[in-house]
Amino acid sequence: MLDENHYPDEKSLKEIAEWDILKHGVQGLLDLVEENTNWPDRQIFITGKKVIHFEYHTGGWSGNEDVINALRQNLLFWSVCWEKSTRGGHYYFKIKSIKVENNIELS
């Protein structure tokens, strides 16, 4: 959740960092990232169906930098989905189907 100054709270950052994509899938994590991003309509772009392309742009906002740092701490998500980062706070991810605990495929 964003606080009154539009910064993500520590609880939410911890939840992003510890989100288990094998148990809970990726969509919940992306929703959590969006809920904790200042100006999500200008910073987050998601396209695709079978393969999801997820772009995150920090816009130089330190709160958004906190979100991407929490996402970077999520080693499973980052190692499986990260494609590239470019100067200026631009991050690109490619999310393929992931089998979660009950053999249900989630993107």
C-alpha atoms as a PDB file:
ATOM      1  CA  MET A   1       0.000   0.000   0.000  1.00  0.00           C
ATOM      2  CA  LEU A   2       1.133   3.517  -0.692  1.00  0.00           C
ATOM      3  CA  ASP A   3       1.345   5.788   2.320  1.00  0.00           C
ATOM      4  CA  GLU A   4       0.119   9.396   2.471  1.00  0.00           C
ATOM      5  CA  ASN A   5       3.309  10.535   0.678  1.00  0.00           C
ATOM      6  CA  HIS A   6       2.839   7.956  -2.103  1.00  0.00           C
ATOM      7  CA  TYR A   7       5.656   5.672  -0.947  1.00  0.00           C
ATOM      8  CA  PRO A   8       5.213   1.907  -0.572  1.00  0.00           C
ATOM      9  CA  ASP A   9       5.123   0.682   3.019  1.00  0.00           C
ATOM     10  CA  GLU A  10       7.715  -1.765   4.365  1.00  0.00           C
ATOM     11  CA  LYS A  11       5.170  -4.572   4.708  1.00  0.00           C
ATOM     12  CA  SER A  12       4.309  -4.384   1.010  1.00  0.00           C
ATOM     13  CA  LEU A  13       7.959  -4.239  -0.053  1.00  0.00           C
ATOM     14  CA  LYS A  14       8.661  -7.335   2.034  1.00  0.00           C
ATOM     15  CA  GLU A  15       5.682  -9.105   0.471  1.00  0.00           C
ATOM     16  CA  ILE A  16       6.997  -8.318  -3.030  1.00  0.00           C
ATOM     17  CA  ALA A  17      10.471  -9.581  -2.131  1.00  0.00           C
ATOM     18  CA  GLU A  18       9.110 -12.801  -0.612  1.00  0.00           C
ATOM     19  CA  TRP A  19       6.263 -13.559  -3.051  1.00  0.00           C
ATOM     20  CA  ASP A  20       6.425 -17.236  -4.098  1.00  0.00           C
ATOM     21  CA  ILE A  21       5.521 -17.390  -7.790  1.00  0.00           C
ATOM     22  CA  LEU A  22       5.449 -21.202  -7.671  1.00  0.00           C
ATOM     23  CA  LYS A  23       2.796 -21.181  -4.947  1.00  0.00           C
ATOM     24  CA  HIS A  24       0.809 -18.097  -5.880  1.00  0.00           C
ATOM     25  CA  GLY A  25       1.608 -17.441  -9.543  1.00  0.00           C
ATOM     26  CA  VAL A  26       2.849 -14.256 -11.127  1.00  0.00           C
ATOM     27  CA  GLN A  27      -0.371 -12.259 -11.528  1.00  0.00           C
ATOM     28  CA  GLY A  28      -0.736 -11.622  -7.809  1.00  0.00           C
ATOM     29  CA  LEU A  29       2.832 -10.336  -7.700  1.00  0.00           C
ATOM     30  CA  LEU A  30       2.208  -8.006 -10.644  1.00  0.00           C
ATOM     31  CA  ASP A  31      -0.950  -6.736  -8.937  1.00  0.00           C
ATOM     32  CA  LEU A  32       1.027  -6.095  -5.752  1.00  0.00           C
ATOM     33  CA  VAL A  33       3.708  -4.224  -7.699  1.00  0.00           C
ATOM     34  CA  GLU A  34       1.032  -2.087  -9.368  1.00  0.00           C
ATOM     35  CA  GLU A  35      -0.665  -1.304  -6.032  1.00  0.00           C
ATOM     36  CA  ASN A  36       2.658  -0.045  -4.679  1.00  0.00           C
ATOM     37  CA  THR A  37       3.721   2.048  -7.667  1.00  0.00           C
ATOM     38  CA  ASN A  38       3.253   5.779  -7.877  1.00  0.00           C
ATOM     39  CA  TRP A  39       1.643   6.656 -11.248  1.00  0.00           C
ATOM     40  CA  PRO A  40       1.153   3.000 -12.346  1.00  0.00           C
ATOM     41  CA  ASP A  41      -0.652   4.061 -15.527  1.00  0.00           C
ATOM     42  CA  ARG A  42       2.568   5.755 -16.701  1.00  0.00           C
ATOM     43  CA  GLN A  43       5.127   3.352 -15.213  1.00  0.00           C
ATOM     44  CA  ILE A  44       3.792  -0.151 -15.891  1.00  0.00           C
ATOM     45  CA  PHE A  45       2.972  -1.735 -19.243  1.00  0.00           C
ATOM     46  CA  ILE A  46       1.780  -5.325 -19.612  1.00  0.00           C
ATOM     47  CA  THR A  47       1.148  -6.962 -22.994  1.00  0.00           C
ATOM     48  CA  GLY A  48       0.676 -10.498 -24.284  1.00  0.00           C
ATOM     49  CA  LYS A  49      -1.371 -13.515 -23.320  1.00  0.00           C
ATOM     50  CA  LYS A  50       0.654 -16.736 -23.574  1.00  0.00           C
ATOM     51  CA  VAL A  51       3.863 -14.846 -22.924  1.00  0.00           C
ATOM     52  CA  ILE A  52       3.495 -11.707 -20.840  1.00  0.00           C
ATOM     53  CA  HIS A  53       5.816  -8.782 -21.467  1.00  0.00           C
ATOM     54  CA  PHE A  54       6.028  -6.653 -18.344  1.00  0.00           C
ATOM     55  CA  GLU A  55       7.744  -3.257 -18.406  1.00  0.00           C
ATOM     56  CA  TYR A  56       8.446  -1.267 -15.265  1.00  0.00           C
ATOM     57  CA  HIS A  57       9.702   2.304 -15.472  1.00  0.00           C
ATOM     58  CA  THR A  58      10.607   3.992 -12.199  1.00  0.00           C
ATOM     59  CA  GLY A  59      10.244   7.531 -13.510  1.00  0.00           C
ATOM     60  CA  GLY A  60      13.030   8.540 -11.128  1.00  0.00           C
ATOM     61  CA  TRP A  61      10.657   8.315  -8.143  1.00  0.00           C
ATOM     62  CA  SER A  62      12.477   6.862  -5.133  1.00  0.00           C
ATOM     63  CA  GLY A  63       9.368   4.965  -4.025  1.00  0.00           C
ATOM     64  CA  ASN A  64       9.252   3.214  -7.397  1.00  0.00           C
ATOM     65  CA  GLU A  65      12.980   2.472  -7.027  1.00  0.00           C
ATOM     66  CA  ASP A  66      12.109   0.800  -3.707  1.00  0.00           C
ATOM     67  CA  VAL A  67       9.559  -1.375  -5.513  1.00  0.00           C
ATOM     68  CA  ILE A  68      12.035  -2.484  -8.192  1.00  0.00           C
ATOM     69  CA  ASN A  69      14.638  -3.198  -5.506  1.00  0.00           C
ATOM     70  CA  ALA A  70      12.113  -5.390  -3.668  1.00  0.00           C
ATOM     71  CA  LEU A  71      11.335  -7.148  -6.944  1.00  0.00           C
ATOM     72  CA  ARG A  72      15.063  -7.654  -7.529  1.00  0.00           C
ATOM     73  CA  GLN A  73      15.266  -9.347  -4.109  1.00  0.00           C
ATOM     74  CA  ASN A  74      12.673 -11.854  -5.301  1.00  0.00           C
ATOM     75  CA  LEU A  75      15.348 -14.141  -6.711  1.00  0.00           C
ATOM     76  CA  LEU A  76      13.012 -16.663  -8.320  1.00  0.00           C
ATOM     77  CA  PHE A  77      10.983 -14.045 -10.191  1.00  0.00           C
ATOM     78  CA  TRP A  78      14.060 -12.041 -11.185  1.00  0.00           C
ATOM     79  CA  SER A  79      16.096 -15.036 -12.382  1.00  0.00           C
ATOM     80  CA  VAL A  80      13.228 -16.536 -14.387  1.00  0.00           C
ATOM     81  CA  CYS A  81      11.560 -13.404 -15.809  1.00  0.00           C
ATOM     82  CA  TRP A  82      14.084 -10.545 -16.047  1.00  0.00           C
ATOM     83  CA  GLU A  83      15.124  -9.747 -19.630  1.00  0.00           C
ATOM     84  CA  LYS A  84      17.025  -6.473 -19.414  1.00  0.00           C
ATOM     85  CA  SER A  85      17.431  -3.143 -17.689  1.00  0.00           C
ATOM     86  CA  THR A  86      18.411   0.092 -19.357  1.00  0.00           C
ATOM     87  CA  ARG A  87      19.712   3.392 -18.087  1.00  0.00           C
ATOM     88  CA  GLY A  88      17.101   5.660 -16.616  1.00  0.00           C
ATOM     89  CA  GLY A  89      15.190   3.100 -14.547  1.00  0.00           C
ATOM     90  CA  HIS A  90      13.703   0.934 -17.299  1.00  0.00           C
ATOM     91  CA  TYR A  91      13.157  -2.787 -16.594  1.00  0.00           C
ATOM     92  CA  TYR A  92      11.836  -5.439 -18.957  1.00  0.00           C
ATOM     93  CA  PHE A  93      10.521  -8.881 -18.033  1.00  0.00           C
ATOM     94  CA  LYS A  94       9.257 -11.825 -20.071  1.00  0.00           C
ATOM     95  CA  ILE A  95       6.880 -14.104 -18.190  1.00  0.00           C
ATOM     96  CA  LYS A  96       6.112 -17.526 -19.615  1.00  0.00           C
ATOM     97  CA  SER A  97       3.683 -20.036 -18.143  1.00  0.00           C
ATOM     98  CA  ILE A  98       4.782 -21.262 -14.726  1.00  0.00           C
ATOM     99  CA  LYS A  99       3.479 -24.458 -13.145  1.00  0.00           C
ATOM    100  CA  VAL A 100       2.418 -23.778  -9.591  1.00  0.00           C
ATOM    101  CA  GLU A 101       2.074 -26.306  -6.772  1.00  0.00           C
ATOM    102  CA  ASN A 102      -1.148 -27.976  -7.935  1.00  0.00           C
ATOM    103  CA  ASN A 103       0.086 -28.288 -11.554  1.00  0.00           C
ATOM    104  CA  ILE A 104      -2.056 -25.354 -12.610  1.00  0.00           C
ATOM    105  CA  GLU A 105      -0.370 -23.170 -15.190  1.00  0.00           C
ATOM    106  CA  LEU A 106      -0.398 -19.473 -14.407  1.00  0.00           C
ATOM    107  CA  SER A 107       1.105 -16.663 -16.345  1.00  0.00           C
END
